Amino acid sequence: MIKYQGKNSNYQLNSDKIKKVFHAQASGFFSEEDGASFLKDYDAITKTFPSKDYALVIDAAELKPSSPAVANMLGTLLQRYMEVPFKSRFLVTQGNVVTISQFKRLGKEIPGWTESVQYGDSFDDALKGI
């Protein structure tokens, strides 16, 4: 598990070897430094388990709109979510319409995002969909 606490943001990356779930949880206002750290940690941790056997659960309902530079980094991250061959992909939104619209807007530029990412209100919803 990786935990990070920035000035106005935090994230946690955890691979559950029993449930075969990789849970990426982020909240707050990310700076460019926070985004770069997340990308580095994401790349490192996804090399430690067989991703094709795992579901990806992205929990970003508490992530706040960021600067254009950070939004570009988020687009890069969405691309990475698609490049790693996860068995399935879920986005936890807690019904947050800003989160849903931001990810759908950015995701339409990423090949495969629209077809392969399921949206749900909670982590439990995602687990039920696996």
N, C-alpha and C. Protein backbone atom coordinates (compact mmCIF):
# COMPACT_ATOMS: atom_id res chain seq x y z
N MET A 1 0.84 -1.18 0.00
CA MET A 1 0.00 0.00 0.00
C MET A 1 0.89 1.24 0.00
N ILE A 2 0.45 2.23 -0.76
CA ILE A 2 1.15 3.51 -0.81
C ILE A 2 0.18 4.58 -0.33
N LYS A 3 0.64 5.40 0.62
CA LYS A 3 -0.15 6.53 1.11
C LYS A 3 0.65 7.80 0.88
N TYR A 4 -0.07 8.85 0.46
CA TYR A 4 0.57 10.14 0.19
C TYR A 4 -0.29 11.24 0.76
N GLN A 5 0.34 12.20 1.41
CA GLN A 5 -0.37 13.36 1.94
C GLN A 5 0.32 14.61 1.41
N GLY A 6 -0.36 15.34 0.54
CA GLY A 6 0.15 16.61 0.04
C GLY A 6 -0.40 17.75 0.87
N LYS A 7 -0.12 18.96 0.44
CA LYS A 7 -0.60 20.13 1.17
C LYS A 7 -2.13 20.21 1.15
N ASN A 8 -2.73 19.99 -0.02
CA ASN A 8 -4.18 20.09 -0.17
C ASN A 8 -4.80 18.84 -0.78
N SER A 9 -4.06 17.75 -0.79
CA SER A 9 -4.54 16.52 -1.43
C SER A 9 -3.96 15.30 -0.72
N ASN A 10 -4.54 14.16 -1.03
CA ASN A 10 -3.97 12.90 -0.57
C ASN A 10 -4.42 11.79 -1.49
N TYR A 11 -3.68 10.71 -1.44
CA TYR A 11 -4.09 9.52 -2.18
C TYR A 11 -3.57 8.27 -1.50
N GLN A 12 -4.21 7.17 -1.89
CA GLN A 12 -3.84 5.86 -1.37
C GLN A 12 -3.98 4.87 -2.51
N LEU A 13 -2.97 4.03 -2.70
CA LEU A 13 -2.98 2.99 -3.72
C LEU A 13 -2.80 1.65 -3.01
N ASN A 14 -3.73 0.73 -3.27
CA ASN A 14 -3.69 -0.54 -2.55
C ASN A 14 -4.08 -1.68 -3.48
N SER A 15 -3.25 -2.71 -3.51
CA SER A 15 -3.61 -3.92 -4.27
C SER A 15 -4.01 -5.00 -3.26
N ASP A 16 -5.25 -5.44 -3.36
CA ASP A 16 -5.79 -6.47 -2.47
C ASP A 16 -5.63 -7.82 -3.17
N LYS A 17 -4.67 -8.59 -2.69
CA LYS A 17 -4.34 -9.87 -3.33
C LYS A 17 -5.42 -10.92 -3.13
N ILE A 18 -6.26 -10.77 -2.12
CA ILE A 18 -7.35 -11.73 -1.88
C ILE A 18 -8.54 -11.44 -2.79
N LYS A 19 -8.98 -10.19 -2.81
CA LYS A 19 -10.14 -9.82 -3.64
C LYS A 19 -9.74 -9.57 -5.10
N LYS A 20 -8.43 -9.46 -5.35
CA LYS A 20 -7.90 -9.16 -6.68
C LYS A 20 -8.44 -7.82 -7.19
N VAL A 21 -8.28 -6.82 -6.34
CA VAL A 21 -8.72 -5.46 -6.64
C VAL A 21 -7.56 -4.50 -6.41
N PHE A 22 -7.36 -3.62 -7.37
CA PHE A 22 -6.42 -2.51 -7.19
C PHE A 22 -7.26 -1.27 -6.99
N HIS A 23 -7.16 -0.68 -5.80
CA HIS A 23 -7.98 0.46 -5.41
C HIS A 23 -7.11 1.71 -5.39
N ALA A 24 -7.45 2.68 -6.25
CA ALA A 24 -6.75 3.96 -6.31
C ALA A 24 -7.72 5.02 -5.81
N GLN A 25 -7.40 5.62 -4.68
CA GLN A 25 -8.28 6.59 -4.05
C GLN A 25 -7.55 7.93 -3.94
N ALA A 26 -8.21 9.01 -4.42
CA ALA A 26 -7.59 10.34 -4.40
C ALA A 26 -8.62 11.38 -4.00
N SER A 27 -8.17 12.40 -3.27
CA SER A 27 -9.09 13.48 -2.88
C SER A 27 -8.33 14.78 -2.72
N GLY A 28 -9.09 15.88 -2.79
CA GLY A 28 -8.54 17.21 -2.59
C GLY A 28 -8.14 17.88 -3.89
N PHE A 29 -7.37 18.97 -3.75
CA PHE A 29 -6.87 19.75 -4.88
C PHE A 29 -5.43 19.32 -5.15
N PHE A 30 -5.19 18.69 -6.29
CA PHE A 30 -3.85 18.23 -6.63
C PHE A 30 -3.05 19.35 -7.28
N SER A 31 -1.79 19.47 -6.85
CA SER A 31 -0.83 20.35 -7.52
C SER A 31 -0.13 19.51 -8.59
N GLU A 32 0.69 20.15 -9.41
CA GLU A 32 1.47 19.40 -10.40
C GLU A 32 2.40 18.41 -9.70
N GLU A 33 2.97 18.81 -8.57
CA GLU A 33 3.85 17.92 -7.81
C GLU A 33 3.08 16.70 -7.31
N ASP A 34 1.87 16.90 -6.79
CA ASP A 34 1.05 15.78 -6.32
C ASP A 34 0.72 14.84 -7.47
N GLY A 35 0.36 15.42 -8.62
CA GLY A 35 0.02 14.61 -9.79
C GLY A 35 1.21 13.78 -10.27
N ALA A 36 2.39 14.39 -10.29
CA ALA A 36 3.59 13.67 -10.71
C ALA A 36 3.90 12.53 -9.75
N SER A 37 3.71 12.76 -8.45
CA SER A 37 3.94 11.72 -7.45
C SER A 37 2.96 10.57 -7.66
N PHE A 38 1.69 10.90 -7.91
CA PHE A 38 0.67 9.86 -8.12
C PHE A 38 1.05 9.00 -9.33
N LEU A 39 1.41 9.66 -10.44
CA LEU A 39 1.78 8.90 -11.65
C LEU A 39 2.97 7.98 -11.38
N LYS A 40 3.98 8.48 -10.68
CA LYS A 40 5.16 7.67 -10.37
C LYS A 40 4.78 6.47 -9.50
N ASP A 41 4.00 6.71 -8.45
CA ASP A 41 3.60 5.63 -7.56
C ASP A 41 2.68 4.63 -8.26
N TYR A 42 1.78 5.12 -9.09
CA TYR A 42 0.88 4.24 -9.85
C TYR A 42 1.70 3.31 -10.74
N ASP A 43 2.65 3.88 -11.49
CA ASP A 43 3.48 3.06 -12.37
C ASP A 43 4.25 2.00 -11.58
N ALA A 44 4.76 2.39 -10.41
CA ALA A 44 5.56 1.46 -9.60
C ALA A 44 4.70 0.33 -9.04
N ILE A 45 3.55 0.65 -8.49
CA ILE A 45 2.75 -0.38 -7.82
C ILE A 45 2.07 -1.33 -8.82
N THR A 46 1.71 -0.84 -10.00
CA THR A 46 1.04 -1.73 -10.95
C THR A 46 1.99 -2.79 -11.54
N LYS A 47 3.26 -2.64 -11.29
CA LYS A 47 4.23 -3.66 -11.73
C LYS A 47 4.39 -4.78 -10.71
N THR A 48 3.70 -4.67 -9.56
CA THR A 48 3.92 -5.63 -8.47
C THR A 48 2.87 -6.73 -8.39
N PHE A 49 1.90 -6.73 -9.31
CA PHE A 49 0.86 -7.76 -9.29
C PHE A 49 0.40 -8.03 -10.73
N PRO A 50 -0.21 -9.21 -10.98
CA PRO A 50 -0.66 -9.54 -12.34
C PRO A 50 -1.97 -8.80 -12.68
N SER A 51 -1.86 -7.63 -13.28
CA SER A 51 -3.02 -6.76 -13.49
C SER A 51 -4.15 -7.41 -14.28
N LYS A 52 -3.83 -8.34 -15.17
CA LYS A 52 -4.88 -8.96 -15.98
C LYS A 52 -5.86 -9.77 -15.12
N ASP A 53 -5.46 -10.09 -13.90
CA ASP A 53 -6.33 -10.83 -12.97
C ASP A 53 -7.06 -9.91 -11.99
N TYR A 54 -6.81 -8.61 -12.07
CA TYR A 54 -7.33 -7.65 -11.10
C TYR A 54 -8.34 -6.68 -11.72
N ALA A 55 -9.26 -6.22 -10.87
CA ALA A 55 -10.15 -5.13 -11.25
C ALA A 55 -9.54 -3.84 -10.72
N LEU A 56 -9.67 -2.79 -11.49
CA LEU A 56 -9.23 -1.45 -11.09
C LEU A 56 -10.45 -0.71 -10.55
N VAL A 57 -10.33 -0.17 -9.34
CA VAL A 57 -11.39 0.67 -8.78
C VAL A 57 -10.77 2.04 -8.50
N ILE A 58 -11.24 3.04 -9.24
CA ILE A 58 -10.78 4.41 -9.10
C ILE A 58 -11.79 5.13 -8.23
N ASP A 59 -11.35 5.64 -7.11
CA ASP A 59 -12.26 6.33 -6.18
C ASP A 59 -11.80 7.79 -6.11
N ALA A 60 -12.46 8.62 -6.91
CA ALA A 60 -12.03 10.02 -7.01
C ALA A 60 -13.19 10.98 -6.79
N ALA A 61 -14.20 10.55 -6.07
CA ALA A 61 -15.38 11.39 -5.86
C ALA A 61 -15.05 12.66 -5.08
N GLU A 62 -14.00 12.61 -4.26
CA GLU A 62 -13.61 13.78 -3.45
C GLU A 62 -12.49 14.58 -4.10
N LEU A 63 -12.16 14.23 -5.35
CA LEU A 63 -11.14 14.97 -6.10
C LEU A 63 -11.76 16.26 -6.61
N LYS A 64 -11.09 17.37 -6.38
CA LYS A 64 -11.62 18.69 -6.75
C LYS A 64 -11.06 19.14 -8.10
N PRO A 65 -11.84 19.92 -8.86
CA PRO A 65 -11.34 20.44 -10.13
C PRO A 65 -10.01 21.16 -9.91
N SER A 66 -9.11 20.98 -10.85
CA SER A 66 -7.75 21.49 -10.69
C SER A 66 -7.38 22.42 -11.83
N SER A 67 -6.15 22.86 -11.81
CA SER A 67 -5.62 23.74 -12.84
C SER A 67 -5.57 23.00 -14.18
N PRO A 68 -5.46 23.74 -15.29
CA PRO A 68 -5.34 23.08 -16.60
C PRO A 68 -4.16 22.11 -16.67
N ALA A 69 -3.03 22.46 -16.05
CA ALA A 69 -1.86 21.57 -16.08
C ALA A 69 -2.16 20.26 -15.36
N VAL A 70 -2.85 20.33 -14.23
CA VAL A 70 -3.19 19.12 -13.49
C VAL A 70 -4.26 18.32 -14.25
N ALA A 71 -5.19 19.01 -14.90
CA ALA A 71 -6.19 18.32 -15.71
C ALA A 71 -5.51 17.55 -16.84
N ASN A 72 -4.45 18.11 -17.43
CA ASN A 72 -3.69 17.40 -18.46
C ASN A 72 -3.04 16.15 -17.88
N MET A 73 -2.52 16.25 -16.65
CA MET A 73 -1.93 15.08 -15.99
C MET A 73 -3.00 14.01 -15.75
N LEU A 74 -4.21 14.45 -15.41
CA LEU A 74 -5.30 13.50 -15.19
C LEU A 74 -5.60 12.76 -16.49
N GLY A 75 -5.56 13.47 -17.61
CA GLY A 75 -5.73 12.81 -18.91
C GLY A 75 -4.66 11.76 -19.15
N THR A 76 -3.43 12.09 -18.79
CA THR A 76 -2.33 11.12 -18.90
C THR A 76 -2.59 9.90 -18.02
N LEU A 77 -3.10 10.15 -16.82
CA LEU A 77 -3.40 9.05 -15.90
C LEU A 77 -4.51 8.17 -16.46
N LEU A 78 -5.56 8.76 -17.03
CA LEU A 78 -6.63 7.96 -17.62
C LEU A 78 -6.08 7.06 -18.72
N GLN A 79 -5.15 7.60 -19.49
CA GLN A 79 -4.50 6.79 -20.52
C GLN A 79 -3.76 5.61 -19.89
N ARG A 80 -3.07 5.85 -18.78
CA ARG A 80 -2.35 4.78 -18.09
C ARG A 80 -3.32 3.74 -17.54
N TYR A 81 -4.48 4.21 -17.04
CA TYR A 81 -5.49 3.26 -16.56
C TYR A 81 -5.90 2.30 -17.67
N MET A 82 -5.90 2.78 -18.91
CA MET A 82 -6.30 1.94 -20.04
C MET A 82 -5.13 1.08 -20.54
N GLU A 83 -3.92 1.55 -20.40
CA GLU A 83 -2.76 0.81 -20.90
C GLU A 83 -2.45 -0.42 -20.06
N VAL A 84 -2.70 -0.34 -18.76
CA VAL A 84 -2.48 -1.51 -17.90
C VAL A 84 -3.66 -2.46 -18.13
N PRO A 85 -3.39 -3.72 -18.45
CA PRO A 85 -4.48 -4.63 -18.85
C PRO A 85 -5.29 -5.20 -17.68
N PHE A 86 -6.06 -4.33 -17.02
CA PHE A 86 -6.91 -4.79 -15.93
C PHE A 86 -8.06 -5.63 -16.48
N LYS A 87 -8.55 -6.54 -15.64
CA LYS A 87 -9.68 -7.39 -15.99
C LYS A 87 -10.94 -6.55 -16.19
N SER A 88 -11.13 -5.56 -15.33
CA SER A 88 -12.27 -4.64 -15.43
C SER A 88 -11.89 -3.33 -14.76
N ARG A 89 -12.67 -2.27 -15.05
CA ARG A 89 -12.38 -0.94 -14.52
C ARG A 89 -13.66 -0.28 -14.02
N PHE A 90 -13.58 0.33 -12.83
CA PHE A 90 -14.73 1.00 -12.22
C PHE A 90 -14.31 2.37 -11.72
N LEU A 91 -15.22 3.32 -11.79
CA LEU A 91 -15.00 4.65 -11.26
C LEU A 91 -16.07 4.92 -10.21
N VAL A 92 -15.64 5.13 -8.96
CA VAL A 92 -16.55 5.44 -7.86
C VAL A 92 -16.77 6.95 -7.88
N THR A 93 -18.05 7.37 -7.96
CA THR A 93 -18.37 8.78 -8.09
C THR A 93 -19.16 9.34 -6.91
N GLN A 94 -19.75 8.50 -6.10
CA GLN A 94 -20.63 8.93 -5.00
C GLN A 94 -21.70 9.88 -5.52
N GLY A 95 -22.08 9.71 -6.79
CA GLY A 95 -23.11 10.55 -7.38
C GLY A 95 -22.67 11.97 -7.67
N ASN A 96 -21.38 12.26 -7.54
CA ASN A 96 -20.85 13.61 -7.75
C ASN A 96 -20.86 13.94 -9.25
N VAL A 97 -21.77 14.82 -9.68
CA VAL A 97 -21.92 15.12 -11.10
C VAL A 97 -20.68 15.81 -11.68
N VAL A 98 -19.95 16.57 -10.87
CA VAL A 98 -18.72 17.22 -11.36
C VAL A 98 -17.68 16.15 -11.68
N THR A 99 -17.53 15.18 -10.79
CA THR A 99 -16.58 14.08 -11.02
C THR A 99 -16.97 13.30 -12.27
N ILE A 100 -18.24 12.96 -12.37
CA ILE A 100 -18.71 12.17 -13.51
C ILE A 100 -18.44 12.93 -14.82
N SER A 101 -18.82 14.20 -14.86
CA SER A 101 -18.65 14.96 -16.11
C SER A 101 -17.18 15.17 -16.46
N GLN A 102 -16.33 15.42 -15.44
CA GLN A 102 -14.90 15.62 -15.72
C GLN A 102 -14.29 14.34 -16.29
N PHE A 103 -14.58 13.19 -15.68
CA PHE A 103 -13.99 11.94 -16.17
C PHE A 103 -14.56 11.55 -17.53
N LYS A 104 -15.85 11.78 -17.76
CA LYS A 104 -16.42 11.46 -19.08
C LYS A 104 -15.84 12.37 -20.15
N ARG A 105 -15.67 13.65 -19.82
CA ARG A 105 -15.10 14.59 -20.79
C ARG A 105 -13.67 14.21 -21.14
N LEU A 106 -12.85 13.95 -20.13
CA LEU A 106 -11.46 13.56 -20.39
C LEU A 106 -11.38 12.17 -21.01
N GLY A 107 -12.26 11.28 -20.56
CA GLY A 107 -12.24 9.90 -21.03
C GLY A 107 -12.59 9.72 -22.49
N LYS A 108 -13.42 10.61 -23.04
CA LYS A 108 -13.81 10.44 -24.44
C LYS A 108 -12.62 10.60 -25.38
N GLU A 109 -11.53 11.21 -24.89
CA GLU A 109 -10.31 11.36 -25.69
C GLU A 109 -9.39 10.14 -25.58
N ILE A 110 -9.71 9.23 -24.66
CA ILE A 110 -8.86 8.06 -24.40
C ILE A 110 -9.49 6.83 -25.05
N PRO A 111 -8.80 6.21 -26.01
CA PRO A 111 -9.37 5.03 -26.66
C PRO A 111 -9.72 3.94 -25.64
N GLY A 112 -10.96 3.45 -25.72
CA GLY A 112 -11.41 2.37 -24.87
C GLY A 112 -12.07 2.79 -23.57
N TRP A 113 -11.87 4.05 -23.14
CA TRP A 113 -12.39 4.49 -21.84
C TRP A 113 -13.92 4.36 -21.78
N THR A 114 -14.60 4.96 -22.75
CA THR A 114 -16.06 5.00 -22.74
C THR A 114 -16.66 3.60 -22.71
N GLU A 115 -16.05 2.65 -23.42
CA GLU A 115 -16.59 1.30 -23.51
C GLU A 115 -16.25 0.43 -22.32
N SER A 116 -15.16 0.72 -21.61
CA SER A 116 -14.70 -0.25 -20.62
C SER A 116 -14.72 0.23 -19.17
N VAL A 117 -15.12 1.46 -18.90
CA VAL A 117 -15.16 1.94 -17.53
C VAL A 117 -16.62 2.02 -17.07
N GLN A 118 -16.89 1.36 -15.95
CA GLN A 118 -18.23 1.39 -15.37
C GLN A 118 -18.23 2.40 -14.22
N TYR A 119 -19.31 3.17 -14.11
CA TYR A 119 -19.44 4.18 -13.07
C TYR A 119 -20.36 3.65 -11.98
N GLY A 120 -20.01 3.93 -10.71
CA GLY A 120 -20.84 3.50 -9.59
C GLY A 120 -20.75 4.50 -8.45
N ASP A 121 -21.70 4.41 -7.54
CA ASP A 121 -21.76 5.37 -6.44
C ASP A 121 -20.81 5.05 -5.29
N SER A 122 -20.40 3.78 -5.15
CA SER A 122 -19.59 3.42 -3.98
C SER A 122 -18.61 2.31 -4.33
N PHE A 123 -17.65 2.12 -3.42
CA PHE A 123 -16.69 1.04 -3.56
C PHE A 123 -17.41 -0.30 -3.53
N ASP A 124 -18.42 -0.42 -2.69
CA ASP A 124 -19.20 -1.66 -2.63
C ASP A 124 -19.91 -1.95 -3.94
N ASP A 125 -20.43 -0.90 -4.62
CA ASP A 125 -21.04 -1.09 -5.94
C ASP A 125 -20.02 -1.67 -6.91
N ALA A 126 -18.82 -1.16 -6.86
CA ALA A 126 -17.76 -1.66 -7.73
C ALA A 126 -17.47 -3.12 -7.44
N LEU A 127 -17.36 -3.47 -6.16
CA LEU A 127 -17.07 -4.86 -5.79
C LEU A 127 -18.17 -5.80 -6.29
N LYS A 128 -19.41 -5.35 -6.24
CA LYS A 128 -20.53 -6.17 -6.72
C LYS A 128 -20.43 -6.39 -8.23
N GLY A 129 -19.85 -5.43 -8.95
CA GLY A 129 -19.74 -5.54 -10.40
C GLY A 129 -18.58 -6.37 -10.89
N ILE A 130 -17.73 -6.79 -9.99
CA ILE A 130 -16.53 -7.55 -10.39
C ILE A 130 -16.89 -8.98 -10.72
